[in-house]
Amino acid sequence: MSVGRSEILSLYRTLLKESKRFTDYNFRSYALRRVTDEFKANKNKSDPAEIRKLLDNGKEQVAVIRRQVTLGMLYRSPANVLEVVHENRV
């Protein structure tokens, strides 16, 4: 089965959206950077089987991110200096 562009973009948007839910600045920045870097690194792939494998891996990563966000909400750490400065400006 062929993988459509819309399915890939949907996964990309979902990964970004879920990554933004991290409460910790460092985890959030890392997750967002990893998502964009991985998609940029694999944007020229043309083999449908390889694309399907990457897509399936991405769906697994969505589940991992959701679990980690939940754990982060349960065990919050104190606000990072960067987060405090940002909150004071808003």
PDB file of N, CA and C in Angstrom:
ATOM      1  N   MET A   1       0.828  -1.178   0.000  1.00  0.00           N
ATOM      2  CA  MET A   1       0.000   0.000   0.000  1.00  0.00           C
ATOM      3  C   MET A   1       0.878   1.247   0.000  1.00  0.00           C
ATOM      4  N   SER A   2       0.528   2.179  -0.830  1.00  0.00           N
ATOM      5  CA  SER A   2       1.282   3.412  -0.961  1.00  0.00           C
ATOM      6  C   SER A   2       0.993   4.360   0.204  1.00  0.00           C
ATOM      7  N   VAL A   3       2.005   5.086   0.584  1.00  0.00           N
ATOM      8  CA  VAL A   3       1.863   6.055   1.663  1.00  0.00           C
ATOM      9  C   VAL A   3       1.621   7.420   1.045  1.00  0.00           C
ATOM     10  N   GLY A   4       0.537   8.062   1.439  1.00  0.00           N
ATOM     11  CA  GLY A   4       0.205   9.362   0.886  1.00  0.00           C
ATOM     12  C   GLY A   4       0.888  10.503   1.619  1.00  0.00           C
ATOM     13  N   ARG A   5       1.053  11.585   0.893  1.00  0.00           N
ATOM     14  CA  ARG A   5       1.670  12.790   1.455  1.00  0.00           C
ATOM     15  C   ARG A   5       0.862  13.298   2.649  1.00  0.00           C
ATOM     16  N   SER A   6      -0.457  13.214   2.547  1.00  0.00           N
ATOM     17  CA  SER A   6      -1.305  13.720   3.631  1.00  0.00           C
ATOM     18  C   SER A   6      -1.100  12.916   4.917  1.00  0.00           C
ATOM     19  N   GLU A   7      -0.865  11.615   4.787  1.00  0.00           N
ATOM     20  CA  GLU A   7      -0.625  10.779   5.962  1.00  0.00           C
ATOM     21  C   GLU A   7       0.688  11.167   6.647  1.00  0.00           C
ATOM     22  N   ILE A   8       1.688  11.463   5.846  1.00  0.00           N
ATOM     23  CA  ILE A   8       2.987  11.865   6.384  1.00  0.00           C
ATOM     24  C   ILE A   8       2.880  13.228   7.064  1.00  0.00           C
ATOM     25  N   LEU A   9       2.209  14.174   6.410  1.00  0.00           N
ATOM     26  CA  LEU A   9       2.040  15.501   7.002  1.00  0.00           C
ATOM     27  C   LEU A   9       1.214  15.446   8.278  1.00  0.00           C
ATOM     28  N   SER A  10       0.225  14.581   8.296  1.00  0.00           N
ATOM     29  CA  SER A  10      -0.596  14.413   9.492  1.00  0.00           C
ATOM     30  C   SER A  10       0.253  13.898  10.654  1.00  0.00           C
ATOM     31  N   LEU A  11       1.110  12.927  10.380  1.00  0.00           N
ATOM     32  CA  LEU A  11       2.000  12.401  11.413  1.00  0.00           C
ATOM     33  C   LEU A  11       2.947  13.494  11.899  1.00  0.00           C
ATOM     34  N   TYR A  12       3.483  14.276  10.981  1.00  0.00           N
ATOM     35  CA  TYR A  12       4.401  15.367  11.331  1.00  0.00           C
ATOM     36  C   TYR A  12       3.708  16.368  12.256  1.00  0.00           C
ATOM     37  N   ARG A  13       2.510  16.778  11.884  1.00  0.00           N
ATOM     38  CA  ARG A  13       1.749  17.724  12.701  1.00  0.00           C
ATOM     39  C   ARG A  13       1.433  17.136  14.081  1.00  0.00           C
ATOM     40  N   THR A  14       1.066  15.872  14.107  1.00  0.00           N
ATOM     41  CA  THR A  14       0.749  15.211  15.374  1.00  0.00           C
ATOM     42  C   THR A  14       1.977  15.151  16.280  1.00  0.00           C
ATOM     43  N   LEU A  15       3.114  14.788  15.711  1.00  0.00           N
ATOM     44  CA  LEU A  15       4.345  14.731  16.502  1.00  0.00           C
ATOM     45  C   LEU A  15       4.710  16.106  17.055  1.00  0.00           C
ATOM     46  N   LEU A  16       4.577  17.145  16.239  1.00  0.00           N
ATOM     47  CA  LEU A  16       4.880  18.494  16.713  1.00  0.00           C
ATOM     48  C   LEU A  16       3.914  18.919  17.815  1.00  0.00           C
ATOM     49  N   LYS A  17       2.634  18.645  17.600  1.00  0.00           N
ATOM     50  CA  LYS A  17       1.615  19.024  18.580  1.00  0.00           C
ATOM     51  C   LYS A  17       1.850  18.328  19.916  1.00  0.00           C
ATOM     52  N   GLU A  18       2.112  17.040  19.857  1.00  0.00           N
ATOM     53  CA  GLU A  18       2.349  16.286  21.091  1.00  0.00           C
ATOM     54  C   GLU A  18       3.653  16.716  21.764  1.00  0.00           C
ATOM     55  N   SER A  19       4.669  17.043  20.980  1.00  0.00           N
ATOM     56  CA  SER A  19       5.947  17.482  21.544  1.00  0.00           C
ATOM     57  C   SER A  19       5.800  18.810  22.278  1.00  0.00           C
ATOM     58  N   LYS A  20       4.925  19.665  21.803  1.00  0.00           N
ATOM     59  CA  LYS A  20       4.708  20.968  22.446  1.00  0.00           C
ATOM     60  C   LYS A  20       4.016  20.840  23.799  1.00  0.00           C
ATOM     61  N   ARG A  21       3.489  19.676  24.112  1.00  0.00           N
ATOM     62  CA  ARG A  21       2.792  19.471  25.381  1.00  0.00           C
ATOM     63  C   ARG A  21       3.741  19.195  26.549  1.00  0.00           C
ATOM     64  N   PHE A  22       5.027  18.957  26.275  1.00  0.00           N
ATOM     65  CA  PHE A  22       5.984  18.751  27.360  1.00  0.00           C
ATOM     66  C   PHE A  22       6.017  19.996  28.239  1.00  0.00           C
ATOM     67  N   THR A  23       5.957  19.812  29.545  1.00  0.00           N
ATOM     68  CA  THR A  23       5.990  20.955  30.450  1.00  0.00           C
ATOM     69  C   THR A  23       7.409  21.454  30.677  1.00  0.00           C
ATOM     70  N   ASP A  24       8.383  20.579  30.580  1.00  0.00           N
ATOM     71  CA  ASP A  24       9.776  20.948  30.784  1.00  0.00           C
ATOM     72  C   ASP A  24      10.353  21.521  29.493  1.00  0.00           C
ATOM     73  N   TYR A  25      10.974  22.694  29.588  1.00  0.00           N
ATOM     74  CA  TYR A  25      11.532  23.379  28.423  1.00  0.00           C
ATOM     75  C   TYR A  25      12.535  22.507  27.671  1.00  0.00           C
ATOM     76  N   ASN A  26      13.433  21.857  28.396  1.00  0.00           N
ATOM     77  CA  ASN A  26      14.481  21.061  27.753  1.00  0.00           C
ATOM     78  C   ASN A  26      13.911  19.873  26.989  1.00  0.00           C
ATOM     79  N   PHE A  27      12.968  19.154  27.591  1.00  0.00           N
ATOM     80  CA  PHE A  27      12.344  18.024  26.905  1.00  0.00           C
ATOM     81  C   PHE A  27      11.569  18.495  25.676  1.00  0.00           C
ATOM     82  N   ARG A  28      10.846  19.602  25.835  1.00  0.00           N
ATOM     83  CA  ARG A  28      10.051  20.143  24.730  1.00  0.00           C
ATOM     84  C   ARG A  28      10.949  20.537  23.558  1.00  0.00           C
ATOM     85  N   SER A  29      12.013  21.271  23.849  1.00  0.00           N
ATOM     86  CA  SER A  29      12.935  21.702  22.794  1.00  0.00           C
ATOM     87  C   SER A  29      13.583  20.513  22.099  1.00  0.00           C
ATOM     88  N   TYR A  30      13.999  19.536  22.897  1.00  0.00           N
ATOM     89  CA  TYR A  30      14.639  18.348  22.333  1.00  0.00           C
ATOM     90  C   TYR A  30      13.678  17.585  21.428  1.00  0.00           C
ATOM     91  N   ALA A  31      12.456  17.376  21.901  1.00  0.00           N
ATOM     92  CA  ALA A  31      11.476  16.620  21.114  1.00  0.00           C
ATOM     93  C   ALA A  31      11.155  17.339  19.808  1.00  0.00           C
ATOM     94  N   LEU A  32      10.945  18.644  19.865  1.00  0.00           N
ATOM     95  CA  LEU A  32      10.644  19.405  18.648  1.00  0.00           C
ATOM     96  C   LEU A  32      11.817  19.352  17.666  1.00  0.00           C
ATOM     97  N   ARG A  33      13.024  19.487  18.191  1.00  0.00           N
ATOM     98  CA  ARG A  33      14.210  19.444  17.333  1.00  0.00           C
ATOM     99  C   ARG A  33      14.375  18.074  16.684  1.00  0.00           C
ATOM    100  N   ARG A  34      14.161  17.003  17.459  1.00  0.00           N
ATOM    101  CA  ARG A  34      14.292  15.642  16.913  1.00  0.00           C
ATOM    102  C   ARG A  34      13.269  15.374  15.819  1.00  0.00           C
ATOM    103  N   VAL A  35      12.043  15.821  16.032  1.00  0.00           N
ATOM    104  CA  VAL A  35      10.994  15.606  15.032  1.00  0.00           C
ATOM    105  C   VAL A  35      11.370  16.300  13.730  1.00  0.00           C
ATOM    106  N   THR A  36      11.716  17.574  13.804  1.00  0.00           N
ATOM    107  CA  THR A  36      12.042  18.302  12.573  1.00  0.00           C
ATOM    108  C   THR A  36      13.297  17.740  11.908  1.00  0.00           C
ATOM    109  N   ASP A  37      14.304  17.394  12.697  1.00  0.00           N
ATOM    110  CA  ASP A  37      15.539  16.843  12.126  1.00  0.00           C
ATOM    111  C   ASP A  37      15.295  15.513  11.419  1.00  0.00           C
ATOM    112  N   GLU A  38      14.509  14.632  12.031  1.00  0.00           N
ATOM    113  CA  GLU A  38      14.233  13.330  11.420  1.00  0.00           C
ATOM    114  C   GLU A  38      13.440  13.470  10.121  1.00  0.00           C
ATOM    115  N   PHE A  39      12.460  14.349  10.116  1.00  0.00           N
ATOM    116  CA  PHE A  39      11.679  14.527   8.895  1.00  0.00           C
ATOM    117  C   PHE A  39      12.530  15.146   7.792  1.00  0.00           C
ATOM    118  N   LYS A  40      13.395  16.090   8.135  1.00  0.00           N
ATOM    119  CA  LYS A  40      14.283  16.687   7.135  1.00  0.00           C
ATOM    120  C   LYS A  40      15.269  15.652   6.602  1.00  0.00           C
ATOM    121  N   ALA A  41      15.777  14.803   7.479  1.00  0.00           N
ATOM    122  CA  ALA A  41      16.755  13.789   7.071  1.00  0.00           C
ATOM    123  C   ALA A  41      16.144  12.743   6.142  1.00  0.00           C
ATOM    124  N   ASN A  42      14.853  12.498   6.275  1.00  0.00           N
ATOM    125  CA  ASN A  42      14.206  11.441   5.492  1.00  0.00           C
ATOM    126  C   ASN A  42      13.283  11.964   4.399  1.00  0.00           C
ATOM    127  N   LYS A  43      13.343  13.252   4.105  1.00  0.00           N
ATOM    128  CA  LYS A  43      12.401  13.821   3.137  1.00  0.00           C
ATOM    129  C   LYS A  43      12.625  13.339   1.706  1.00  0.00           C
ATOM    130  N   ASN A  44      13.801  12.852   1.394  1.00  0.00           N
ATOM    131  CA  ASN A  44      14.086  12.411   0.027  1.00  0.00           C
ATOM    132  C   ASN A  44      13.955  10.905  -0.169  1.00  0.00           C
ATOM    133  N   LYS A  45      13.431  10.216   0.807  1.00  0.00           N
ATOM    134  CA  LYS A  45      13.228   8.764   0.680  1.00  0.00           C
ATOM    135  C   LYS A  45      12.155   8.501  -0.366  1.00  0.00           C
ATOM    136  N   SER A  46      12.378   7.478  -1.181  1.00  0.00           N
ATOM    137  CA  SER A  46      11.411   7.182  -2.243  1.00  0.00           C
ATOM    138  C   SER A  46      10.911   5.736  -2.221  1.00  0.00           C
ATOM    139  N   ASP A  47      11.576   4.874  -1.483  1.00  0.00           N
ATOM    140  CA  ASP A  47      11.165   3.476  -1.402  1.00  0.00           C
ATOM    141  C   ASP A  47       9.915   3.354  -0.527  1.00  0.00           C
ATOM    142  N   PRO A  48       8.787   2.904  -1.090  1.00  0.00           N
ATOM    143  CA  PRO A  48       7.537   2.818  -0.318  1.00  0.00           C
ATOM    144  C   PRO A  48       7.643   1.952   0.942  1.00  0.00           C
ATOM    145  N   ALA A  49       8.395   0.864   0.872  1.00  0.00           N
ATOM    146  CA  ALA A  49       8.541  -0.009   2.045  1.00  0.00           C
ATOM    147  C   ALA A  49       9.292   0.712   3.165  1.00  0.00           C
ATOM    148  N   GLU A  50      10.320   1.435   2.788  1.00  0.00           N
ATOM    149  CA  GLU A  50      11.097   2.172   3.779  1.00  0.00           C
ATOM    150  C   GLU A  50      10.270   3.317   4.374  1.00  0.00           C
ATOM    151  N   ILE A  51       9.506   3.980   3.531  1.00  0.00           N
ATOM    152  CA  ILE A  51       8.639   5.063   4.005  1.00  0.00           C
ATOM    153  C   ILE A  51       7.596   4.518   4.971  1.00  0.00           C
ATOM    154  N   ARG A  52       7.021   3.365   4.644  1.00  0.00           N
ATOM    155  CA  ARG A  52       6.024   2.743   5.516  1.00  0.00           C
ATOM    156  C   ARG A  52       6.647   2.398   6.875  1.00  0.00           C
ATOM    157  N   LYS A  53       7.881   1.890   6.838  1.00  0.00           N
ATOM    158  CA  LYS A  53       8.577   1.543   8.077  1.00  0.00           C
ATOM    159  C   LYS A  53       8.814   2.796   8.927  1.00  0.00           C
ATOM    160  N   LEU A  54       9.233   3.881   8.286  1.00  0.00           N
ATOM    161  CA  LEU A  54       9.450   5.140   8.997  1.00  0.00           C
ATOM    162  C   LEU A  54       8.142   5.687   9.565  1.00  0.00           C
ATOM    163  N   LEU A  55       7.073   5.554   8.795  1.00  0.00           N
ATOM    164  CA  LEU A  55       5.762   6.020   9.236  1.00  0.00           C
ATOM    165  C   LEU A  55       5.283   5.234  10.456  1.00  0.00           C
ATOM    166  N   ASP A  56       5.455   3.929  10.417  1.00  0.00           N
ATOM    167  CA  ASP A  56       5.069   3.093  11.561  1.00  0.00           C
ATOM    168  C   ASP A  56       5.892   3.446  12.803  1.00  0.00           C
ATOM    169  N   ASN A  57       7.180   3.689  12.594  1.00  0.00           N
ATOM    170  CA  ASN A  57       8.044   4.096  13.700  1.00  0.00           C
ATOM    171  C   ASN A  57       7.582   5.443  14.263  1.00  0.00           C
ATOM    172  N   GLY A  58       7.189   6.352  13.386  1.00  0.00           N
ATOM    173  CA  GLY A  58       6.693   7.649  13.831  1.00  0.00           C
ATOM    174  C   GLY A  58       5.442   7.525  14.674  1.00  0.00           C
ATOM    175  N   LYS A  59       4.557   6.609  14.293  1.00  0.00           N
ATOM    176  CA  LYS A  59       3.329   6.393  15.069  1.00  0.00           C
ATOM    177  C   LYS A  59       3.659   5.833  16.452  1.00  0.00           C
ATOM    178  N   GLU A  60       4.668   4.983  16.520  1.00  0.00           N
ATOM    179  CA  GLU A  60       5.108   4.469  17.821  1.00  0.00           C
ATOM    180  C   GLU A  60       5.681   5.602  18.673  1.00  0.00           C
ATOM    181  N   GLN A  61       6.383   6.524  18.023  1.00  0.00           N
ATOM    182  CA  GLN A  61       6.970   7.646  18.750  1.00  0.00           C
ATOM    183  C   GLN A  61       5.909   8.589  19.305  1.00  0.00           C
ATOM    184  N   VAL A  62       4.778   8.708  18.604  1.00  0.00           N
ATOM    185  CA  VAL A  62       3.668   9.514  19.125  1.00  0.00           C
ATOM    186  C   VAL A  62       3.213   8.932  20.460  1.00  0.00           C
ATOM    187  N   ALA A  63       3.086   7.621  20.515  1.00  0.00           N
ATOM    188  CA  ALA A  63       2.669   6.963  21.759  1.00  0.00           C
ATOM    189  C   ALA A  63       3.705   7.174  22.863  1.00  0.00           C
ATOM    190  N   VAL A  64       4.979   7.106  22.514  1.00  0.00           N
ATOM    191  CA  VAL A  64       6.045   7.319  23.497  1.00  0.00           C
ATOM    192  C   VAL A  64       5.978   8.744  24.038  1.00  0.00           C
ATOM    193  N   ILE A  65       5.818   9.709  23.143  1.00  0.00           N
ATOM    194  CA  ILE A  65       5.748  11.109  23.567  1.00  0.00           C
ATOM    195  C   ILE A  65       4.551  11.325  24.486  1.00  0.00           C
ATOM    196  N   ARG A  66       3.416  10.757  24.131  1.00  0.00           N
ATOM    197  CA  ARG A  66       2.217  10.916  24.974  1.00  0.00           C
ATOM    198  C   ARG A  66       2.449  10.355  26.374  1.00  0.00           C
ATOM    199  N   ARG A  67       3.096   9.197  26.443  1.00  0.00           N
ATOM    200  CA  ARG A  67       3.394   8.611  27.758  1.00  0.00           C
ATOM    201  C   ARG A  67       4.341   9.505  28.553  1.00  0.00           C
ATOM    202  N   GLN A  68       5.375   9.994  27.888  1.00  0.00           N
ATOM    203  CA  GLN A  68       6.356  10.828  28.571  1.00  0.00           C
ATOM    204  C   GLN A  68       5.749  12.151  29.028  1.00  0.00           C
ATOM    205  N   VAL A  69       4.861  12.721  28.234  1.00  0.00           N
ATOM    206  CA  VAL A  69       4.185  13.959  28.633  1.00  0.00           C
ATOM    207  C   VAL A  69       3.357  13.708  29.886  1.00  0.00           C
ATOM    208  N   THR A  70       2.655  12.586  29.920  1.00  0.00           N
ATOM    209  CA  THR A  70       1.848  12.243  31.091  1.00  0.00           C
ATOM    210  C   THR A  70       2.731  12.095  32.328  1.00  0.00           C
ATOM    211  N   LEU A  71       3.850  11.408  32.188  1.00  0.00           N
ATOM    212  CA  LEU A  71       4.782  11.269  33.313  1.00  0.00           C
ATOM    213  C   LEU A  71       5.335  12.620  33.743  1.00  0.00           C
ATOM    214  N   GLY A  72       5.629  13.469  32.768  1.00  0.00           N
ATOM    215  CA  GLY A  72       6.133  14.800  33.084  1.00  0.00           C
ATOM    216  C   GLY A  72       5.127  15.630  33.850  1.00  0.00           C
ATOM    217  N   MET A  73       3.858  15.438  33.554  1.00  0.00           N
ATOM    218  CA  MET A  73       2.815  16.167  34.279  1.00  0.00           C
ATOM    219  C   MET A  73       2.643  15.626  35.696  1.00  0.00           C
ATOM    220  N   LEU A  74       2.870  14.338  35.873  1.00  0.00           N
ATOM    221  CA  LEU A  74       2.751  13.746  37.204  1.00  0.00           C
ATOM    222  C   LEU A  74       3.900  14.162  38.119  1.00  0.00           C
ATOM    223  N   TYR A  75       5.098  14.249  37.547  1.00  0.00           N
ATOM    224  CA  TYR A  75       6.289  14.553  38.334  1.00  0.00           C
ATOM    225  C   TYR A  75       6.947  15.820  37.802  1.00  0.00           C
ATOM    226  N   ARG A  76       6.285  16.934  37.987  1.00  0.00           N
ATOM    227  CA  ARG A  76       6.813  18.204  37.474  1.00  0.00           C
ATOM    228  C   ARG A  76       8.076  18.619  38.212  1.00  0.00           C
ATOM    229  N   SER A  77       8.969  19.218  37.452  1.00  0.00           N
ATOM    230  CA  SER A  77      10.165  19.793  38.049  1.00  0.00           C
ATOM    231  C   SER A  77       9.948  21.303  38.156  1.00  0.00           C
ATOM    232  N   PRO A  78      10.751  21.983  38.966  1.00  0.00           N
ATOM    233  CA  PRO A  78      10.605  23.440  39.057  1.00  0.00           C
ATOM    234  C   PRO A  78      10.832  24.084  37.691  1.00  0.00           C
ATOM    235  N   ALA A  79      10.244  25.247  37.498  1.00  0.00           N
ATOM    236  CA  ALA A  79      10.364  25.940  36.214  1.00  0.00           C
ATOM    237  C   ALA A  79      11.820  26.273  35.925  1.00  0.00           C
ATOM    238  N   ASN A  80      12.195  26.111  34.683  1.00  0.00           N
ATOM    239  CA  ASN A  80      13.517  26.427  34.197  1.00  0.00           C
ATOM    240  C   ASN A  80      13.669  27.946  34.148  1.00  0.00           C
ATOM    241  N   VAL A  81      14.884  28.452  34.228  1.00  0.00           N
ATOM    242  CA  VAL A  81      15.129  29.892  34.167  1.00  0.00           C
ATOM    243  C   VAL A  81      14.556  30.475  32.879  1.00  0.00           C
ATOM    244  N   LEU A  82      14.714  29.779  31.771  1.00  0.00           N
ATOM    245  CA  LEU A  82      14.192  30.272  30.498  1.00  0.00           C
ATOM    246  C   LEU A  82      12.675  30.372  30.520  1.00  0.00           C
ATOM    247  N   GLU A  83      12.025  29.453  31.180  1.00  0.00           N
ATOM    248  CA  GLU A  83      10.566  29.483  31.266  1.00  0.00           C
ATOM    249  C   GLU A  83      10.096  30.628  32.151  1.00  0.00           C
ATOM    250  N   VAL A  84      10.807  30.893  33.240  1.00  0.00           N
ATOM    251  CA  VAL A  84      10.438  31.982  34.145  1.00  0.00           C
ATOM    252  C   VAL A  84      10.569  33.315  33.432  1.00  0.00           C
ATOM    253  N   VAL A  85      11.653  33.518  32.705  1.00  0.00           N
ATOM    254  CA  VAL A  85      11.858  34.761  31.958  1.00  0.00           C
ATOM    255  C   VAL A  85      10.760  34.928  30.921  1.00  0.00           C
ATOM    256  N   HIS A  86      10.428  33.861  30.221  1.00  0.00           N
ATOM    257  CA  HIS A  86       9.387  33.926  29.188  1.00  0.00           C
ATOM    258  C   HIS A  86       8.029  34.254  29.800  1.00  0.00           C
ATOM    259  N   GLU A  87       7.693  33.661  30.933  1.00  0.00           N
ATOM    260  CA  GLU A  87       6.404  33.920  31.586  1.00  0.00           C
ATOM    261  C   GLU A  87       6.303  35.363  32.057  1.00  0.00           C
ATOM    262  N   ASN A  88       7.413  35.947  32.497  1.00  0.00           N
ATOM    263  CA  ASN A  88       7.401  37.334  32.963  1.00  0.00           C
ATOM    264  C   ASN A  88       7.209  38.318  31.821  1.00  0.00           C
ATOM    265  N   ARG A  89       7.613  37.965  30.632  1.00  0.00           N
ATOM    266  CA  ARG A  89       7.460  38.844  29.469  1.00  0.00           C
ATOM    267  C   ARG A  89       6.057  38.818  28.903  1.00  0.00           C
ATOM    268  N   VAL A  90       5.366  37.726  29.101  1.00  0.00           N
ATOM    269  CA  VAL A  90       4.020  37.569  28.536  1.00  0.00           C
ATOM    270  C   VAL A  90       3.024  38.287  29.340  1.00  0.00           C
TER     271      VAL A  90
END
